[in-house]
Amino acid sequence: MQLATLTIRLQIPQSRSLKSKRQVISGIKDRLKNKFNISIAEVADNDLWQVATLGIAVVANQRRFLDQVLDQVENYIASRPEVVILDSEKVYY
């Protein structure tokens, strides 16, 4: 069994309140869960209006599959016009 995590820090430039930030983040989280069957949560920067940190976990048989899923997740987030990726880190266990 292989496990990988992706921590990704996002900027939400158009957000003017915690409510608008949560709408953006909730939409992204829901779509990612349904599309990639991953575990995802907001893990830091909860009280900042324009910054969010997401933690993503994937379990699989092969590391190659983990790489593919995490790359697709990161590409999907990067394609969203309402967010900008500030930083990301992959860790394998």
Protein backbone atom coordinates (compact mmCIF):
# COMPACT_ATOMS: atom_id res chain seq x y z
CA MET A 1 0.00 0.00 0.00
CA GLN A 2 1.24 3.46 -0.95
CA LEU A 3 0.11 6.78 0.53
CA ALA A 4 0.79 10.30 -0.70
CA THR A 5 -0.23 13.73 0.47
CA LEU A 6 -0.32 17.02 -1.36
CA THR A 7 -0.35 20.29 0.55
CA ILE A 8 -1.30 23.18 -1.66
CA ARG A 9 -1.49 26.85 -0.68
CA LEU A 10 -3.85 28.98 -2.71
CA GLN A 11 -4.53 32.66 -3.13
CA ILE A 12 -8.10 33.75 -3.87
CA PRO A 13 -7.62 37.31 -5.16
CA GLN A 14 -11.31 38.15 -5.65
CA SER A 15 -12.35 37.07 -2.15
CA ARG A 16 -13.57 39.92 0.04
CA SER A 17 -14.90 37.87 2.97
CA LEU A 18 -14.60 34.48 4.62
CA LYS A 19 -17.98 33.57 3.12
CA SER A 20 -16.82 34.16 -0.46
CA LYS A 21 -13.58 32.29 0.26
CA ARG A 22 -15.51 29.30 1.60
CA GLN A 23 -17.75 29.24 -1.47
CA VAL A 24 -14.73 29.01 -3.77
CA ILE A 25 -12.94 26.42 -1.62
CA SER A 26 -16.07 24.29 -1.09
CA GLY A 27 -16.72 24.16 -4.82
CA ILE A 28 -13.16 23.08 -5.56
CA LYS A 29 -13.15 20.49 -2.76
CA ASP A 30 -16.47 18.96 -3.85
CA ARG A 31 -15.43 18.69 -7.50
CA LEU A 32 -12.06 17.15 -6.60
CA LYS A 33 -13.62 14.57 -4.26
CA ASN A 34 -16.10 13.46 -6.90
CA LYS A 35 -13.69 13.48 -9.83
CA PHE A 36 -10.60 11.89 -8.23
CA ASN A 37 -11.91 9.97 -5.17
CA ILE A 38 -9.48 11.68 -2.80
CA SER A 39 -9.62 12.94 0.76
CA ILE A 40 -9.36 16.71 0.98
CA ALA A 41 -9.69 19.34 3.70
CA GLU A 42 -8.78 22.93 4.40
CA VAL A 43 -5.91 22.49 6.85
CA ALA A 44 -4.58 26.02 7.50
CA ASP A 45 -5.20 29.72 6.98
CA ASN A 46 -8.84 29.28 8.00
CA ASP A 47 -9.27 32.89 9.12
CA LEU A 48 -7.60 34.58 6.15
CA TRP A 49 -9.88 35.93 3.42
CA GLN A 50 -7.63 35.47 0.42
CA VAL A 51 -5.44 32.49 1.32
CA ALA A 52 -6.31 28.82 1.82
CA THR A 53 -4.21 25.73 2.41
CA LEU A 54 -5.65 22.41 1.29
CA GLY A 55 -4.45 18.98 2.39
CA ILE A 56 -5.07 16.10 -0.02
CA ALA A 57 -4.46 12.40 0.62
CA VAL A 58 -4.46 9.48 -1.82
CA VAL A 59 -3.97 5.76 -1.21
CA ALA A 60 -3.11 3.31 -4.00
CA ASN A 61 -1.19 0.17 -4.88
CA GLN A 62 1.50 1.87 -6.93
CA ARG A 63 3.42 5.11 -6.58
CA ARG A 64 3.01 5.79 -10.29
CA PHE A 65 -0.76 5.98 -9.81
CA LEU A 66 -0.30 8.34 -6.86
CA ASP A 67 1.84 10.62 -9.04
CA GLN A 68 -0.78 10.63 -11.79
CA VAL A 69 -3.64 11.48 -9.44
CA LEU A 70 -1.77 14.23 -7.61
CA ASP A 71 -0.56 15.75 -10.89
CA GLN A 72 -4.13 15.74 -12.23
CA VAL A 73 -5.42 17.31 -9.01
CA GLU A 74 -2.77 20.03 -9.14
CA ASN A 75 -3.47 20.68 -12.84
CA TYR A 76 -7.19 20.92 -12.15
CA ILE A 77 -6.67 23.46 -9.37
CA ALA A 78 -4.23 25.44 -11.55
CA SER A 79 -6.87 25.63 -14.29
CA ARG A 80 -9.40 27.30 -11.97
CA PRO A 81 -9.49 31.04 -12.77
CA GLU A 82 -10.56 32.06 -9.26
CA VAL A 83 -7.42 30.75 -7.53
CA VAL A 84 -3.65 31.08 -7.86
CA ILE A 85 -1.31 28.36 -6.57
CA LEU A 86 1.27 29.90 -4.23
CA ASP A 87 3.02 26.71 -3.15
CA SER A 88 2.62 22.94 -3.24
CA GLU A 89 4.39 20.00 -1.64
CA LYS A 90 4.05 16.26 -2.23
CA VAL A 91 5.04 13.75 0.44
CA TYR A 92 5.11 9.97 -0.01
CA TYR A 93 4.81 7.42 2.80
